[in-house]
Amino acid sequence: MQIIEHSIIGTRAAVVRLRRPGSQLQFVLFPMLHVASPQFYAAVTERLRQCDVLVVEGVSGRSVLGWALTLTYRVMPANKRSGLVVDSIPYRSLGIEVINPDVTTVEFARDWRTMPLRHRLLMWCAIPFVVVAQFFGGRKALLSPNVEVNDLPGPHDEAYADDEFTEQIERTLGGTRDERLLAALSELIRTRAAEPIDVAIVYGAGHVPAILRGLSDRHGYRPRTGEWLTVLEA
Protein backbone atom coordinates (compact mmCIF):
# COMPACT_ATOMS: atom_id res chain seq x y z
CA MET A 1 0.00 0.00 0.00
CA GLN A 2 1.27 3.45 -0.94
CA ILE A 3 1.73 5.73 2.07
CA ILE A 4 3.68 8.62 0.56
CA GLU A 5 3.38 8.93 -3.22
CA HIS A 6 5.52 10.87 -5.70
CA SER A 7 4.26 11.82 -9.16
CA ILE A 8 4.58 14.58 -11.76
CA ILE A 9 1.96 16.64 -9.88
CA GLY A 10 3.87 16.53 -6.61
CA THR A 11 4.01 14.51 -3.39
CA ARG A 12 0.92 13.19 -1.60
CA ALA A 13 0.20 11.43 1.68
CA ALA A 14 -2.53 8.81 2.11
CA VAL A 15 -4.84 9.36 5.10
CA VAL A 16 -6.08 5.84 5.89
CA ARG A 17 -9.11 4.74 7.90
CA LEU A 18 -8.80 1.34 9.64
CA ARG A 19 -11.66 -0.77 10.96
CA ARG A 20 -12.22 -4.26 12.31
CA PRO A 21 -15.42 -6.30 12.75
CA GLY A 22 -17.01 -6.07 16.19
CA SER A 23 -15.33 -2.80 17.20
CA GLN A 24 -16.89 0.65 17.13
CA LEU A 25 -13.51 2.33 17.53
CA GLN A 26 -11.89 3.32 14.24
CA PHE A 27 -8.38 4.56 13.58
CA VAL A 28 -7.54 7.35 11.14
CA LEU A 29 -3.87 7.21 10.23
CA PHE A 30 -2.12 10.44 9.19
CA PRO A 31 1.37 9.82 7.70
CA MET A 32 3.29 12.99 8.47
CA LEU A 33 6.42 14.68 7.17
CA HIS A 34 8.45 17.03 9.36
CA VAL A 35 8.29 19.74 6.70
CA ALA A 36 5.70 20.33 3.99
CA SER A 37 3.57 23.08 2.46
CA PRO A 38 1.44 25.09 4.91
CA GLN A 39 -1.63 23.89 2.99
CA PHE A 40 -0.85 20.29 3.93
CA TYR A 41 -0.76 21.03 7.66
CA ALA A 42 -3.94 23.11 7.36
CA ALA A 43 -5.71 20.18 5.68
CA VAL A 44 -4.51 17.76 8.38
CA THR A 45 -5.62 20.14 11.15
CA GLU A 46 -9.08 20.45 9.63
CA ARG A 47 -9.50 16.65 9.63
CA LEU A 48 -8.09 16.25 13.13
CA ARG A 49 -10.86 18.50 14.46
CA GLN A 50 -13.33 15.80 13.38
CA CYS A 51 -11.63 13.13 15.52
CA ASP A 52 -12.26 12.23 19.17
CA VAL A 53 -8.75 11.28 20.31
CA LEU A 54 -5.34 12.27 18.94
CA VAL A 55 -2.34 9.96 19.36
CA VAL A 56 0.64 12.09 18.40
CA GLU A 57 4.38 11.69 17.91
CA GLY A 58 6.89 13.80 19.78
CA VAL A 59 10.00 13.03 21.81
CA SER A 60 9.63 14.99 25.05
CA GLY A 61 12.48 17.01 26.49
CA ARG A 62 15.49 18.79 25.04
CA SER A 63 18.97 17.54 24.22
CA VAL A 64 21.92 18.37 22.00
CA LEU A 65 21.38 15.12 20.14
CA GLY A 66 17.73 15.95 19.44
CA TRP A 67 18.63 19.49 18.37
CA ALA A 68 21.23 18.18 15.90
CA LEU A 69 18.99 15.51 14.39
CA THR A 70 16.01 17.82 13.97
CA LEU A 71 18.24 20.52 12.45
CA THR A 72 18.54 18.31 9.37
CA TYR A 73 14.93 19.15 8.50
CA ARG A 74 14.37 22.40 10.40
CA VAL A 75 16.90 24.05 8.10
CA MET A 76 14.74 23.42 5.01
CA PRO A 77 12.16 26.18 5.65
CA ALA A 78 15.03 28.57 6.44
CA ASN A 79 15.43 28.73 2.67
CA LYS A 80 12.43 30.99 2.00
CA ARG A 81 12.37 30.02 -1.68
CA SER A 82 11.44 26.46 -0.72
CA GLY A 83 7.89 27.38 0.33
CA LEU A 84 8.15 24.83 3.14
CA VAL A 85 7.23 25.12 6.80
CA VAL A 86 7.90 22.94 9.84
CA ASP A 87 4.97 21.01 11.31
CA SER A 88 3.53 23.31 13.97
CA ILE A 89 0.03 21.89 14.39
CA PRO A 90 -1.20 22.93 17.88
CA TYR A 91 -2.48 19.50 18.87
CA ARG A 92 -3.23 20.40 22.49
CA SER A 93 -5.12 23.52 21.48
CA LEU A 94 -7.68 21.72 19.33
CA GLY A 95 -9.94 20.87 22.28
CA ILE A 96 -9.48 17.13 21.72
CA GLU A 97 -7.98 14.49 24.02
CA VAL A 98 -4.27 14.07 23.20
CA ILE A 99 -2.14 11.01 23.97
CA ASN A 100 1.64 11.13 23.46
CA PRO A 101 3.16 7.68 24.02
CA ASP A 102 6.55 8.63 22.57
CA VAL A 103 9.86 8.31 24.43
CA THR A 104 11.70 11.01 26.36
CA THR A 105 15.05 12.44 25.29
CA VAL A 106 16.69 10.36 28.04
CA GLU A 107 15.15 7.16 26.68
CA PHE A 108 16.03 8.09 23.11
CA ALA A 109 19.64 8.76 24.15
CA ARG A 110 19.75 5.34 25.79
CA ASP A 111 18.70 3.69 22.52
CA TRP A 112 21.22 5.88 20.68
CA ARG A 113 24.02 4.55 22.87
CA THR A 114 23.19 0.97 21.88
CA MET A 115 24.52 1.79 18.40
CA PRO A 116 28.19 0.94 17.79
CA LEU A 117 30.44 3.93 18.37
CA ARG A 118 31.59 3.94 14.73
CA HIS A 119 27.98 4.38 13.58
CA ARG A 120 27.35 7.21 16.01
CA LEU A 121 30.52 8.99 14.88
CA LEU A 122 29.49 8.55 11.26
CA MET A 123 26.12 10.13 12.02
CA TRP A 124 27.71 13.11 13.78
CA CYS A 125 30.11 13.61 10.83
CA ALA A 126 27.28 13.39 8.30
CA ILE A 127 24.92 15.87 9.97
CA PRO A 128 26.68 19.10 8.75
CA PHE A 129 26.66 17.85 5.15
CA VAL A 130 23.02 16.80 5.39
CA VAL A 131 22.06 20.21 6.78
CA VAL A 132 23.72 22.05 3.87
CA ALA A 133 22.15 19.68 1.33
CA GLN A 134 18.72 20.10 2.88
CA PHE A 135 18.97 23.89 2.92
CA PHE A 136 19.69 24.11 -0.79
CA GLY A 137 17.85 21.01 -2.02
CA GLY A 138 15.11 20.28 0.51
CA ARG A 139 12.21 21.11 -1.80
CA LYS A 140 13.70 19.03 -4.60
CA ALA A 141 14.17 16.11 -2.19
CA LEU A 142 10.49 16.24 -1.20
CA LEU A 143 9.56 16.08 -4.89
CA SER A 144 11.76 13.10 -5.72
CA PRO A 145 10.92 9.37 -5.84
CA ASN A 146 13.13 8.84 -2.78
CA VAL A 147 10.42 10.36 -0.56
CA GLU A 148 8.01 7.50 -1.30
CA VAL A 149 6.96 5.18 1.53
CA ASN A 150 5.17 1.83 1.13
CA ASP A 151 4.06 -0.79 3.61
CA LEU A 152 5.88 -3.46 1.60
CA PRO A 153 9.65 -3.65 1.00
CA GLY A 154 10.73 -2.06 -2.25
CA PRO A 155 13.96 -2.32 -4.26
CA HIS A 156 15.62 0.31 -2.07
CA ASP A 157 14.70 -1.54 1.13
CA GLU A 158 15.90 -4.86 -0.25
CA ALA A 159 19.18 -3.34 -1.38
CA TYR A 160 19.90 -2.25 2.20
CA ALA A 161 18.34 -5.21 3.99
CA ASP A 162 21.77 -6.46 5.04
CA ASP A 163 23.21 -3.03 5.77
CA GLU A 164 24.12 -3.05 9.48
CA PHE A 165 24.31 0.74 9.68
CA THR A 166 20.84 1.23 8.14
CA GLU A 167 19.41 -1.45 10.39
CA GLN A 168 20.85 0.25 13.47
CA ILE A 169 19.44 3.63 12.46
CA GLU A 170 15.98 2.21 11.83
CA ARG A 171 16.03 0.41 15.18
CA THR A 172 17.04 3.59 17.00
CA LEU A 173 14.52 5.85 15.28
CA GLY A 174 11.75 3.24 15.37
CA GLY A 175 12.12 0.24 17.67
CA THR A 176 11.16 1.36 21.16
CA ARG A 177 9.07 4.24 19.85
CA ASP A 178 6.93 2.00 17.64
CA GLU A 179 6.40 -0.45 20.50
CA ARG A 180 5.32 2.38 22.82
CA LEU A 181 2.82 3.57 20.24
CA LEU A 182 1.39 0.11 19.59
CA ALA A 183 1.05 -0.49 23.33
CA ALA A 184 -0.95 2.75 23.65
CA LEU A 185 -3.19 1.76 20.73
CA SER A 186 -3.72 -1.69 22.25
CA GLU A 187 -4.82 -0.06 25.49
CA LEU A 188 -7.32 2.13 23.64
CA ILE A 189 -8.75 -0.94 21.92
CA ARG A 190 -8.95 -2.80 25.23
CA THR A 191 -10.74 -0.03 27.06
CA ARG A 192 -12.73 1.82 24.40
CA ALA A 193 -13.51 -0.61 21.56
CA ALA A 194 -17.24 -0.31 22.26
CA GLU A 195 -17.21 3.49 21.78
CA PRO A 196 -18.04 4.90 18.31
CA ILE A 197 -14.96 7.14 18.20
CA ASP A 198 -12.34 8.11 15.64
CA VAL A 199 -8.79 7.89 16.96
CA ALA A 200 -6.28 9.85 14.88
CA ILE A 201 -2.73 8.47 14.75
CA VAL A 202 -0.47 11.37 13.77
CA TYR A 203 3.00 9.93 13.25
CA GLY A 204 5.90 10.26 10.83
CA ALA A 205 5.43 8.36 7.58
CA GLY A 206 8.43 6.16 8.38
CA HIS A 207 6.54 4.70 11.35
CA VAL A 208 3.40 3.88 9.35
CA PRO A 209 4.42 0.43 7.99
CA ALA A 210 5.06 -0.77 11.57
CA ILE A 211 1.73 0.72 12.71
CA LEU A 212 -0.20 -1.00 9.92
CA ARG A 213 1.47 -4.35 10.62
CA GLY A 214 0.97 -4.04 14.36
CA LEU A 215 -2.73 -3.16 14.18
CA SER A 216 -3.33 -5.91 11.63
CA ASP A 217 -1.37 -8.71 13.31
CA ARG A 218 -2.36 -7.93 16.91
CA HIS A 219 -5.93 -6.68 16.52
CA GLY A 220 -7.25 -7.45 13.04
CA TYR A 221 -7.58 -3.83 11.93
CA ARG A 222 -7.48 -3.37 8.15
CA PRO A 223 -7.41 -0.30 5.88
CA ARG A 224 -10.92 0.34 4.55
CA THR A 225 -10.91 3.80 2.98
CA GLY A 226 -8.29 6.38 2.11
CA GLU A 227 -7.87 9.99 1.05
CA TRP A 228 -4.92 11.70 -0.60
CA LEU A 229 -3.61 14.98 0.82
CA THR A 230 -1.08 16.99 -1.16
CA VAL A 231 2.16 17.44 0.77
CA LEU A 232 3.82 19.64 -1.84
CA GLU A 233 2.88 20.57 -5.38
CA ALA A 234 5.50 20.24 -8.11
C-alpha atoms as a PDB file:
ATOM      1  CA  MET A   1       0.000   0.000   0.000  1.00  0.00           C
ATOM      2  CA  GLN A   2       1.265   3.448  -0.943  1.00  0.00           C
ATOM      3  CA  ILE A   3       1.731   5.726   2.068  1.00  0.00           C
ATOM      4  CA  ILE A   4       3.681   8.616   0.556  1.00  0.00           C
ATOM      5  CA  GLU A   5       3.381   8.934  -3.224  1.00  0.00           C
ATOM      6  CA  HIS A   6       5.523  10.865  -5.699  1.00  0.00           C
ATOM      7  CA  SER A   7       4.258  11.824  -9.157  1.00  0.00           C
ATOM      8  CA  ILE A   8       4.579  14.578 -11.757  1.00  0.00           C
ATOM      9  CA  ILE A   9       1.957  16.635  -9.885  1.00  0.00           C
ATOM     10  CA  GLY A  10       3.868  16.530  -6.606  1.00  0.00           C
ATOM     11  CA  THR A  11       4.008  14.515  -3.387  1.00  0.00           C
ATOM     12  CA  ARG A  12       0.915  13.193  -1.597  1.00  0.00           C
ATOM     13  CA  ALA A  13       0.197  11.430   1.681  1.00  0.00           C
ATOM     14  CA  ALA A  14      -2.534   8.810   2.114  1.00  0.00           C
ATOM     15  CA  VAL A  15      -4.839   9.357   5.097  1.00  0.00           C
ATOM     16  CA  VAL A  16      -6.080   5.843   5.893  1.00  0.00           C
ATOM     17  CA  ARG A  17      -9.114   4.744   7.904  1.00  0.00           C
ATOM     18  CA  LEU A  18      -8.804   1.344   9.635  1.00  0.00           C
ATOM     19  CA  ARG A  19     -11.655  -0.773  10.957  1.00  0.00           C
ATOM     20  CA  ARG A  20     -12.224  -4.261  12.310  1.00  0.00           C
ATOM     21  CA  PRO A  21     -15.424  -6.297  12.755  1.00  0.00           C
ATOM     22  CA  GLY A  22     -17.013  -6.073  16.188  1.00  0.00           C
ATOM     23  CA  SER A  23     -15.331  -2.801  17.199  1.00  0.00           C
ATOM     24  CA  GLN A  24     -16.893   0.649  17.134  1.00  0.00           C
ATOM     25  CA  LEU A  25     -13.507   2.329  17.533  1.00  0.00           C
ATOM     26  CA  GLN A  26     -11.890   3.317  14.244  1.00  0.00           C
ATOM     27  CA  PHE A  27      -8.381   4.558  13.577  1.00  0.00           C
ATOM     28  CA  VAL A  28      -7.541   7.351  11.136  1.00  0.00           C
ATOM     29  CA  LEU A  29      -3.869   7.208  10.229  1.00  0.00           C
ATOM     30  CA  PHE A  30      -2.123  10.439   9.192  1.00  0.00           C
ATOM     31  CA  PRO A  31       1.367   9.822   7.704  1.00  0.00           C
ATOM     32  CA  MET A  32       3.291  12.989   8.468  1.00  0.00           C
ATOM     33  CA  LEU A  33       6.422  14.676   7.168  1.00  0.00           C
ATOM     34  CA  HIS A  34       8.446  17.027   9.362  1.00  0.00           C
ATOM     35  CA  VAL A  35       8.287  19.741   6.700  1.00  0.00           C
ATOM     36  CA  ALA A  36       5.698  20.334   3.992  1.00  0.00           C
ATOM     37  CA  SER A  37       3.573  23.076   2.463  1.00  0.00           C
ATOM     38  CA  PRO A  38       1.441  25.087   4.908  1.00  0.00           C
ATOM     39  CA  GLN A  39      -1.631  23.889   2.987  1.00  0.00           C
ATOM     40  CA  PHE A  40      -0.849  20.293   3.932  1.00  0.00           C
ATOM     41  CA  TYR A  41      -0.763  21.031   7.659  1.00  0.00           C
ATOM     42  CA  ALA A  42      -3.938  23.110   7.358  1.00  0.00           C
ATOM     43  CA  ALA A  43      -5.710  20.178   5.680  1.00  0.00           C
ATOM     44  CA  VAL A  44      -4.508  17.763   8.376  1.00  0.00           C
ATOM     45  CA  THR A  45      -5.617  20.144  11.149  1.00  0.00           C
ATOM     46  CA  GLU A  46      -9.083  20.447   9.625  1.00  0.00           C
ATOM     47  CA  ARG A  47      -9.497  16.653   9.631  1.00  0.00           C
ATOM     48  CA  LEU A  48      -8.095  16.253  13.133  1.00  0.00           C
ATOM     49  CA  ARG A  49     -10.856  18.502  14.462  1.00  0.00           C
ATOM     50  CA  GLN A  50     -13.326  15.804  13.383  1.00  0.00           C
ATOM     51  CA  CYS A  51     -11.629  13.125  15.524  1.00  0.00           C
ATOM     52  CA  ASP A  52     -12.261  12.232  19.167  1.00  0.00           C
ATOM     53  CA  VAL A  53      -8.746  11.282  20.312  1.00  0.00           C
ATOM     54  CA  LEU A  54      -5.337  12.274  18.944  1.00  0.00           C
ATOM     55  CA  VAL A  55      -2.342   9.958  19.361  1.00  0.00           C
ATOM     56  CA  VAL A  56       0.641  12.090  18.402  1.00  0.00           C
ATOM     57  CA  GLU A  57       4.375  11.689  17.914  1.00  0.00           C
ATOM     58  CA  GLY A  58       6.893  13.802  19.784  1.00  0.00           C
ATOM     59  CA  VAL A  59      10.000  13.026  21.808  1.00  0.00           C
ATOM     60  CA  SER A  60       9.634  14.990  25.052  1.00  0.00           C
ATOM     61  CA  GLY A  61      12.476  17.013  26.487  1.00  0.00           C
ATOM     62  CA  ARG A  62      15.494  18.794  25.040  1.00  0.00           C
ATOM     63  CA  SER A  63      18.965  17.538  24.215  1.00  0.00           C
ATOM     64  CA  VAL A  64      21.924  18.374  21.998  1.00  0.00           C
ATOM     65  CA  LEU A  65      21.379  15.117  20.138  1.00  0.00           C
ATOM     66  CA  GLY A  66      17.731  15.948  19.444  1.00  0.00           C
ATOM     67  CA  TRP A  67      18.632  19.485  18.366  1.00  0.00           C
ATOM     68  CA  ALA A  68      21.230  18.182  15.902  1.00  0.00           C
ATOM     69  CA  LEU A  69      18.994  15.507  14.386  1.00  0.00           C
ATOM     70  CA  THR A  70      16.010  17.822  13.968  1.00  0.00           C
ATOM     71  CA  LEU A  71      18.240  20.523  12.454  1.00  0.00           C
ATOM     72  CA  THR A  72      18.543  18.306   9.369  1.00  0.00           C
ATOM     73  CA  TYR A  73      14.930  19.146   8.503  1.00  0.00           C
ATOM     74  CA  ARG A  74      14.374  22.403  10.402  1.00  0.00           C
ATOM     75  CA  VAL A  75      16.899  24.051   8.105  1.00  0.00           C
ATOM     76  CA  MET A  76      14.743  23.421   5.010  1.00  0.00           C
ATOM     77  CA  PRO A  77      12.162  26.183   5.652  1.00  0.00           C
ATOM     78  CA  ALA A  78      15.029  28.571   6.442  1.00  0.00           C
ATOM     79  CA  ASN A  79      15.428  28.733   2.670  1.00  0.00           C
ATOM     80  CA  LYS A  80      12.432  30.988   1.996  1.00  0.00           C
ATOM     81  CA  ARG A  81      12.373  30.024  -1.677  1.00  0.00           C
ATOM     82  CA  SER A  82      11.443  26.464  -0.718  1.00  0.00           C
ATOM     83  CA  GLY A  83       7.890  27.381   0.326  1.00  0.00           C
ATOM     84  CA  LEU A  84       8.150  24.829   3.140  1.00  0.00           C
ATOM     85  CA  VAL A  85       7.228  25.116   6.795  1.00  0.00           C
ATOM     86  CA  VAL A  86       7.898  22.943   9.839  1.00  0.00           C
ATOM     87  CA  ASP A  87       4.965  21.006  11.307  1.00  0.00           C
ATOM     88  CA  SER A  88       3.529  23.310  13.969  1.00  0.00           C
ATOM     89  CA  ILE A  89       0.027  21.888  14.386  1.00  0.00           C
ATOM     90  CA  PRO A  90      -1.196  22.931  17.881  1.00  0.00           C
ATOM     91  CA  TYR A  91      -2.480  19.503  18.866  1.00  0.00           C
ATOM     92  CA  ARG A  92      -3.226  20.395  22.492  1.00  0.00           C
ATOM     93  CA  SER A  93      -5.119  23.522  21.483  1.00  0.00           C
ATOM     94  CA  LEU A  94      -7.680  21.720  19.331  1.00  0.00           C
ATOM     95  CA  GLY A  95      -9.944  20.867  22.277  1.00  0.00           C
ATOM     96  CA  ILE A  96      -9.483  17.128  21.720  1.00  0.00           C
ATOM     97  CA  GLU A  97      -7.979  14.491  24.017  1.00  0.00           C
ATOM     98  CA  VAL A  98      -4.268  14.071  23.203  1.00  0.00           C
ATOM     99  CA  ILE A  99      -2.137  11.014  23.970  1.00  0.00           C
ATOM    100  CA  ASN A 100       1.640  11.132  23.459  1.00  0.00           C
ATOM    101  CA  PRO A 101       3.158   7.681  24.022  1.00  0.00           C
ATOM    102  CA  ASP A 102       6.554   8.632  22.569  1.00  0.00           C
ATOM    103  CA  VAL A 103       9.864   8.308  24.427  1.00  0.00           C
ATOM    104  CA  THR A 104      11.696  11.008  26.359  1.00  0.00           C
ATOM    105  CA  THR A 105      15.047  12.440  25.288  1.00  0.00           C
ATOM    106  CA  VAL A 106      16.687  10.357  28.040  1.00  0.00           C
ATOM    107  CA  GLU A 107      15.148   7.164  26.683  1.00  0.00           C
ATOM    108  CA  PHE A 108      16.033   8.092  23.111  1.00  0.00           C
ATOM    109  CA  ALA A 109      19.643   8.765  24.150  1.00  0.00           C
ATOM    110  CA  ARG A 110      19.747   5.336  25.793  1.00  0.00           C
ATOM    111  CA  ASP A 111      18.704   3.688  22.517  1.00  0.00           C
ATOM    112  CA  TRP A 112      21.215   5.880  20.684  1.00  0.00           C
ATOM    113  CA  ARG A 113      24.021   4.551  22.872  1.00  0.00           C
ATOM    114  CA  THR A 114      23.192   0.974  21.878  1.00  0.00           C
ATOM    115  CA  MET A 115      24.522   1.785  18.401  1.00  0.00           C
ATOM    116  CA  PRO A 116      28.189   0.941  17.790  1.00  0.00           C
ATOM    117  CA  LEU A 117      30.441   3.926  18.369  1.00  0.00           C
ATOM    118  CA  ARG A 118      31.590   3.937  14.733  1.00  0.00           C
ATOM    119  CA  HIS A 119      27.984   4.377  13.578  1.00  0.00           C
ATOM    120  CA  ARG A 120      27.350   7.209  16.007  1.00  0.00           C
ATOM    121  CA  LEU A 121      30.518   8.992  14.878  1.00  0.00           C
ATOM    122  CA  LEU A 122      29.489   8.551  11.262  1.00  0.00           C
ATOM    123  CA  MET A 123      26.124  10.132  12.021  1.00  0.00           C
ATOM    124  CA  TRP A 124      27.712  13.113  13.776  1.00  0.00           C
ATOM    125  CA  CYS A 125      30.106  13.610  10.830  1.00  0.00           C
ATOM    126  CA  ALA A 126      27.277  13.394   8.299  1.00  0.00           C
ATOM    127  CA  ILE A 127      24.919  15.875   9.967  1.00  0.00           C
ATOM    128  CA  PRO A 128      26.677  19.102   8.749  1.00  0.00           C
ATOM    129  CA  PHE A 129      26.663  17.854   5.148  1.00  0.00           C
ATOM    130  CA  VAL A 130      23.019  16.797   5.388  1.00  0.00           C
ATOM    131  CA  VAL A 131      22.060  20.211   6.784  1.00  0.00           C
ATOM    132  CA  VAL A 132      23.724  22.047   3.875  1.00  0.00           C
ATOM    133  CA  ALA A 133      22.154  19.682   1.327  1.00  0.00           C
ATOM    134  CA  GLN A 134      18.721  20.101   2.884  1.00  0.00           C
ATOM    135  CA  PHE A 135      18.969  23.892   2.920  1.00  0.00           C
ATOM    136  CA  PHE A 136      19.695  24.112  -0.790  1.00  0.00           C
ATOM    137  CA  GLY A 137      17.845  21.013  -2.017  1.00  0.00           C
ATOM    138  CA  GLY A 138      15.108  20.283   0.511  1.00  0.00           C
ATOM    139  CA  ARG A 139      12.209  21.108  -1.802  1.00  0.00           C
ATOM    140  CA  LYS A 140      13.700  19.032  -4.600  1.00  0.00           C
ATOM    141  CA  ALA A 141      14.175  16.113  -2.191  1.00  0.00           C
ATOM    142  CA  LEU A 142      10.495  16.238  -1.200  1.00  0.00           C
ATOM    143  CA  LEU A 143       9.560  16.079  -4.890  1.00  0.00           C
ATOM    144  CA  SER A 144      11.763  13.099  -5.721  1.00  0.00           C
ATOM    145  CA  PRO A 145      10.916   9.365  -5.840  1.00  0.00           C
ATOM    146  CA  ASN A 146      13.132   8.841  -2.781  1.00  0.00           C
ATOM    147  CA  VAL A 147      10.422  10.362  -0.563  1.00  0.00           C
ATOM    148  CA  GLU A 148       8.008   7.503  -1.297  1.00  0.00           C
ATOM    149  CA  VAL A 149       6.960   5.177   1.530  1.00  0.00           C
ATOM    150  CA  ASN A 150       5.170   1.835   1.126  1.00  0.00           C
ATOM    151  CA  ASP A 151       4.063  -0.785   3.611  1.00  0.00           C
ATOM    152  CA  LEU A 152       5.877  -3.460   1.596  1.00  0.00           C
ATOM    153  CA  PRO A 153       9.653  -3.655   0.999  1.00  0.00           C
ATOM    154  CA  GLY A 154      10.725  -2.056  -2.252  1.00  0.00           C
ATOM    155  CA  PRO A 155      13.957  -2.322  -4.262  1.00  0.00           C
ATOM    156  CA  HIS A 156      15.620   0.314  -2.067  1.00  0.00           C
ATOM    157  CA  ASP A 157      14.700  -1.540   1.131  1.00  0.00           C
ATOM    158  CA  GLU A 158      15.901  -4.863  -0.251  1.00  0.00           C
ATOM    159  CA  ALA A 159      19.180  -3.338  -1.376  1.00  0.00           C
ATOM    160  CA  TYR A 160      19.903  -2.253   2.202  1.00  0.00           C
ATOM    161  CA  ALA A 161      18.338  -5.207   3.986  1.00  0.00           C
ATOM    162  CA  ASP A 162      21.768  -6.465   5.043  1.00  0.00           C
ATOM    163  CA  ASP A 163      23.214  -3.031   5.771  1.00  0.00           C
ATOM    164  CA  GLU A 164      24.118  -3.054   9.479  1.00  0.00           C
ATOM    165  CA  PHE A 165      24.313   0.744   9.680  1.00  0.00           C
ATOM    166  CA  THR A 166      20.844   1.230   8.136  1.00  0.00           C
ATOM    167  CA  GLU A 167      19.410  -1.451  10.393  1.00  0.00           C
ATOM    168  CA  GLN A 168      20.851   0.245  13.475  1.00  0.00           C
ATOM    169  CA  ILE A 169      19.442   3.631  12.461  1.00  0.00           C
ATOM    170  CA  GLU A 170      15.985   2.210  11.827  1.00  0.00           C
ATOM    171  CA  ARG A 171      16.031   0.406  15.175  1.00  0.00           C
ATOM    172  CA  THR A 172      17.041   3.594  17.005  1.00  0.00           C
ATOM    173  CA  LEU A 173      14.518   5.855  15.275  1.00  0.00           C
ATOM    174  CA  GLY A 174      11.749   3.236  15.368  1.00  0.00           C
ATOM    175  CA  GLY A 175      12.117   0.242  17.666  1.00  0.00           C
ATOM    176  CA  THR A 176      11.160   1.357  21.162  1.00  0.00           C
ATOM    177  CA  ARG A 177       9.069   4.245  19.847  1.00  0.00           C
ATOM    178  CA  ASP A 178       6.933   1.995  17.644  1.00  0.00           C
ATOM    179  CA  GLU A 179       6.398  -0.448  20.503  1.00  0.00           C
ATOM    180  CA  ARG A 180       5.325   2.381  22.821  1.00  0.00           C
ATOM    181  CA  LEU A 181       2.823   3.566  20.240  1.00  0.00           C
ATOM    182  CA  LEU A 182       1.391   0.107  19.592  1.00  0.00           C
ATOM    183  CA  ALA A 183       1.054  -0.488  23.334  1.00  0.00           C
ATOM    184  CA  ALA A 184      -0.953   2.746  23.647  1.00  0.00           C
ATOM    185  CA  LEU A 185      -3.186   1.762  20.727  1.00  0.00           C
ATOM    186  CA  SER A 186      -3.721  -1.686  22.247  1.00  0.00           C
ATOM    187  CA  GLU A 187      -4.821  -0.058  25.491  1.00  0.00           C
ATOM    188  CA  LEU A 188      -7.320   2.129  23.644  1.00  0.00           C
ATOM    189  CA  ILE A 189      -8.749  -0.938  21.916  1.00  0.00           C
ATOM    190  CA  ARG A 190      -8.952  -2.797  25.231  1.00  0.00           C
ATOM    191  CA  THR A 191     -10.744  -0.026  27.065  1.00  0.00           C
ATOM    192  CA  ARG A 192     -12.730   1.822  24.399  1.00  0.00           C
ATOM    193  CA  ALA A 193     -13.512  -0.612  21.557  1.00  0.00           C
ATOM    194  CA  ALA A 194     -17.245  -0.307  22.262  1.00  0.00           C
ATOM    195  CA  GLU A 195     -17.215   3.490  21.781  1.00  0.00           C
ATOM    196  CA  PRO A 196     -18.037   4.901  18.313  1.00  0.00           C
ATOM    197  CA  ILE A 197     -14.965   7.139  18.202  1.00  0.00           C
ATOM    198  CA  ASP A 198     -12.342   8.107  15.639  1.00  0.00           C
ATOM    199  CA  VAL A 199      -8.794   7.890  16.956  1.00  0.00           C
ATOM    200  CA  ALA A 200      -6.281   9.851  14.881  1.00  0.00           C
ATOM    201  CA  ILE A 201      -2.730   8.467  14.745  1.00  0.00           C
ATOM    202  CA  VAL A 202      -0.468  11.370  13.770  1.00  0.00           C
ATOM    203  CA  TYR A 203       3.004   9.927  13.250  1.00  0.00           C
ATOM    204  CA  GLY A 204       5.896  10.263  10.825  1.00  0.00           C
ATOM    205  CA  ALA A 205       5.430   8.361   7.578  1.00  0.00           C
ATOM    206  CA  GLY A 206       8.426   6.158   8.385  1.00  0.00           C
ATOM    207  CA  HIS A 207       6.536   4.702  11.347  1.00  0.00           C
ATOM    208  CA  VAL A 208       3.402   3.880   9.352  1.00  0.00           C
ATOM    209  CA  PRO A 209       4.418   0.431   7.993  1.00  0.00           C
ATOM    210  CA  ALA A 210       5.057  -0.770  11.572  1.00  0.00           C
ATOM    211  CA  ILE A 211       1.734   0.722  12.706  1.00  0.00           C
ATOM    212  CA  LEU A 212      -0.199  -1.003   9.924  1.00  0.00           C
ATOM    213  CA  ARG A 213       1.468  -4.349  10.618  1.00  0.00           C
ATOM    214  CA  GLY A 214       0.965  -4.040  14.359  1.00  0.00           C
ATOM    215  CA  LEU A 215      -2.727  -3.162  14.184  1.00  0.00           C
ATOM    216  CA  SER A 216      -3.334  -5.911  11.634  1.00  0.00           C
ATOM    217  CA  ASP A 217      -1.368  -8.711  13.314  1.00  0.00           C
ATOM    218  CA  ARG A 218      -2.361  -7.927  16.906  1.00  0.00           C
ATOM    219  CA  HIS A 219      -5.928  -6.678  16.520  1.00  0.00           C
ATOM    220  CA  GLY A 220      -7.248  -7.447  13.043  1.00  0.00           C
ATOM    221  CA  TYR A 221      -7.584  -3.835  11.934  1.00  0.00           C
ATOM    222  CA  ARG A 222      -7.477  -3.373   8.155  1.00  0.00           C
ATOM    223  CA  PRO A 223      -7.414  -0.305   5.881  1.00  0.00           C
ATOM    224  CA  ARG A 224     -10.923   0.342   4.552  1.00  0.00           C
ATOM    225  CA  THR A 225     -10.906   3.796   2.984  1.00  0.00           C
ATOM    226  CA  GLY A 226      -8.288   6.380   2.111  1.00  0.00           C
ATOM    227  CA  GLU A 227      -7.873   9.989   1.052  1.00  0.00           C
ATOM    228  CA  TRP A 228      -4.925  11.699  -0.597  1.00  0.00           C
ATOM    229  CA  LEU A 229      -3.611  14.976   0.820  1.00  0.00           C
ATOM    230  CA  THR A 230      -1.077  16.994  -1.161  1.00  0.00           C
ATOM    231  CA  VAL A 231       2.157  17.442   0.770  1.00  0.00           C
ATOM    232  CA  LEU A 232       3.819  19.635  -1.835  1.00  0.00           C
ATOM    233  CA  GLU A 233       2.880  20.566  -5.382  1.00  0.00           C
ATOM    234  CA  ALA A 234       5.502  20.238  -8.110  1.00  0.00           C
END
